[in-house]
Structures are given as structure tokens and as C-alpha cells.
Amino acid sequence: MRPESKLPFEIVEDPPAPKAVAVKVDEMKILAGTGPLKAFATVTIAEKVRIHGFRVIAQESKTPWVSPPQNEVRPKDGGKSKYFPVIEILDEKLKGQISQAVLQAWRTRTP
């Protein structure tokens, strides 16, 4: 005996896998000095959006990483500065692609 089917029903298909977005590093400004801030980068995403101000941070004994653009607010009383994001990249895959592209560009331009 066949089980009774209930109508109407929906066929739900898995969504297609997201495609990689084209990420291009347009500019890389290497900074001189011994501090952890090593470079600024300009990135174009999917040939539609250009974002200036990504930062390459390399601290002693830590893996280098990329920080998205941010604004610094210095308190009038001379206390510690606070930083606020200019953009937020919500897609983790895109965030990883940007970081990978920026770090690769930075590594090819530094000794």
C-alpha cells in the first residue's frame, strides 16, 4: 500500500552555490616604520564598488590581517581614541576574499 500524499506540496531545491566575486587590489601604499600598520589598500569589488582605506596590520609574532576602513575619534581630554567602522562586510566569504587579495598584494610588494 502506498502512503497517501498530501497536496499541494512544494519542491524545495537547494539554492545554487554562490559564485566567487571578483576582488581586485587597485592601489597599495606601503608605510615605512616599525609600527604594526604596514599598508593601506584600495579594493574594487565586482567592478562595481571601490573601497579605499583597507589596512594591513602585522604585529610581532602574530599573523598579518586586514582591517576594513574605519574612522578614528580622538577625545578632547586626550584619552584613548575610539575607532568606528566605515563599512561592514557581512558576507564572510567576501570578507575572506578581500583579506586574501590584500595580503597577497602586500606580500608581493614587501621584502
Protein backbone atom coordinates (compact mmCIF):
# COMPACT_ATOMS: atom_id res chain seq x y z
CA MET A 1 0.00 0.00 0.00
CA ARG A 2 1.37 3.40 -0.99
CA PRO A 3 1.46 6.23 1.53
CA GLU A 4 -1.08 8.90 0.85
CA SER A 5 0.38 12.13 -0.47
CA LYS A 6 -0.92 15.45 0.63
CA LEU A 7 -1.41 18.13 -1.96
CA PRO A 8 -0.40 20.82 -2.61
CA PHE A 9 3.24 20.39 -1.82
CA GLU A 10 6.38 22.31 -2.63
CA ILE A 11 9.55 21.01 -4.10
CA VAL A 12 12.35 22.86 -2.45
CA GLU A 13 15.66 22.82 -4.26
CA ASP A 14 18.98 23.74 -2.81
CA PRO A 15 19.99 27.25 -3.86
CA PRO A 16 22.91 27.42 -6.27
CA ALA A 17 26.32 27.80 -4.67
CA PRO A 18 27.40 31.45 -4.57
CA LYS A 19 29.95 32.40 -7.18
CA ALA A 20 33.23 33.99 -6.22
CA VAL A 21 33.14 37.75 -6.55
CA ALA A 22 35.95 39.45 -8.42
CA VAL A 23 38.15 41.30 -5.92
CA LYS A 24 40.97 43.47 -7.25
CA VAL A 25 43.55 45.45 -5.31
CA ASP A 26 43.93 48.72 -7.24
CA GLU A 27 46.44 50.50 -5.02
CA MET A 28 48.77 49.54 -2.20
CA LYS A 29 50.62 52.19 -0.21
CA ILE A 30 53.38 50.61 1.85
CA LEU A 31 54.23 52.55 5.02
CA ALA A 32 57.75 52.98 6.36
CA GLY A 33 58.38 52.50 10.03
CA THR A 34 58.30 49.81 12.66
CA GLY A 35 54.70 50.10 13.89
CA PRO A 36 52.06 47.43 13.27
CA LEU A 37 50.29 49.42 10.50
CA LYS A 38 52.10 48.28 7.35
CA ALA A 39 49.99 49.45 4.39
CA PHE A 40 46.79 50.98 3.05
CA ALA A 41 44.92 49.38 0.13
CA THR A 42 42.18 50.34 -2.30
CA VAL A 43 39.99 47.45 -3.43
CA THR A 44 37.43 47.11 -6.23
CA ILE A 45 34.67 44.53 -5.83
CA ALA A 46 32.93 43.03 -8.87
CA GLU A 47 34.00 46.04 -10.95
CA LYS A 48 31.15 47.95 -9.26
CA VAL A 49 32.36 49.22 -5.89
CA ARG A 50 35.74 50.75 -4.98
CA ILE A 51 36.64 50.99 -1.31
CA HIS A 52 39.61 52.99 -0.03
CA GLY A 53 41.34 52.57 3.30
CA PHE A 54 41.77 48.86 3.99
CA ARG A 55 44.70 48.47 6.39
CA VAL A 56 47.31 45.74 6.65
CA ILE A 57 48.23 45.11 10.28
CA ALA A 58 51.25 42.98 11.18
CA GLN A 59 52.08 42.67 14.87
CA GLU A 60 55.16 40.88 16.13
CA SER A 61 54.64 37.10 16.44
CA LYS A 62 51.08 37.32 15.00
CA THR A 63 49.70 36.53 11.56
CA PRO A 64 49.15 39.67 9.46
CA TRP A 65 45.50 40.64 8.96
CA VAL A 66 43.34 43.14 7.09
CA SER A 67 41.19 45.77 8.76
CA PRO A 68 38.35 47.43 6.83
CA PRO A 69 38.23 51.24 6.67
CA GLN A 70 37.49 52.98 9.96
CA ASN A 71 37.28 56.46 11.42
CA GLU A 72 39.25 57.49 14.49
CA VAL A 73 37.61 59.73 17.08
CA ARG A 74 40.04 61.37 19.47
CA PRO A 75 38.61 62.55 22.78
CA LYS A 76 39.13 66.21 23.67
CA ASP A 77 40.55 65.26 27.07
CA GLY A 78 43.46 63.41 25.44
CA GLY A 79 42.23 59.94 26.41
CA LYS A 80 42.29 56.84 24.27
CA SER A 81 40.97 57.12 20.71
CA LYS A 82 37.92 55.14 19.61
CA TYR A 83 37.51 53.61 16.17
CA PHE A 84 34.26 53.20 14.24
CA PRO A 85 33.78 51.17 11.05
CA VAL A 86 33.11 52.98 7.79
CA ILE A 87 31.80 49.79 6.16
CA GLU A 88 30.83 46.33 7.35
CA ILE A 89 31.29 43.30 5.14
CA LEU A 90 28.52 40.95 6.17
CA ASP A 91 29.37 38.13 3.77
CA GLU A 92 32.15 36.05 5.37
CA LYS A 93 33.24 34.58 2.03
CA LEU A 94 33.63 38.04 0.51
CA LYS A 95 35.47 39.23 3.61
CA GLY A 96 37.89 36.34 3.20
CA GLN A 97 38.40 37.07 -0.50
CA ILE A 98 39.22 40.71 0.25
CA SER A 99 41.65 39.80 3.02
CA GLN A 100 43.37 37.21 0.84
CA ALA A 101 43.74 39.61 -2.10
CA VAL A 102 45.06 42.47 0.05
CA LEU A 103 47.54 40.29 1.93
CA GLN A 104 48.77 38.71 -1.29
CA ALA A 105 49.29 42.13 -2.86
CA TRP A 106 51.09 43.36 0.27
CA ARG A 107 53.38 40.32 0.42
CA THR A 108 54.41 40.73 -3.22
CA ARG A 109 55.40 44.37 -2.57
CA THR A 110 57.39 43.89 0.62
CA PRO A 111 60.78 42.21 1.09
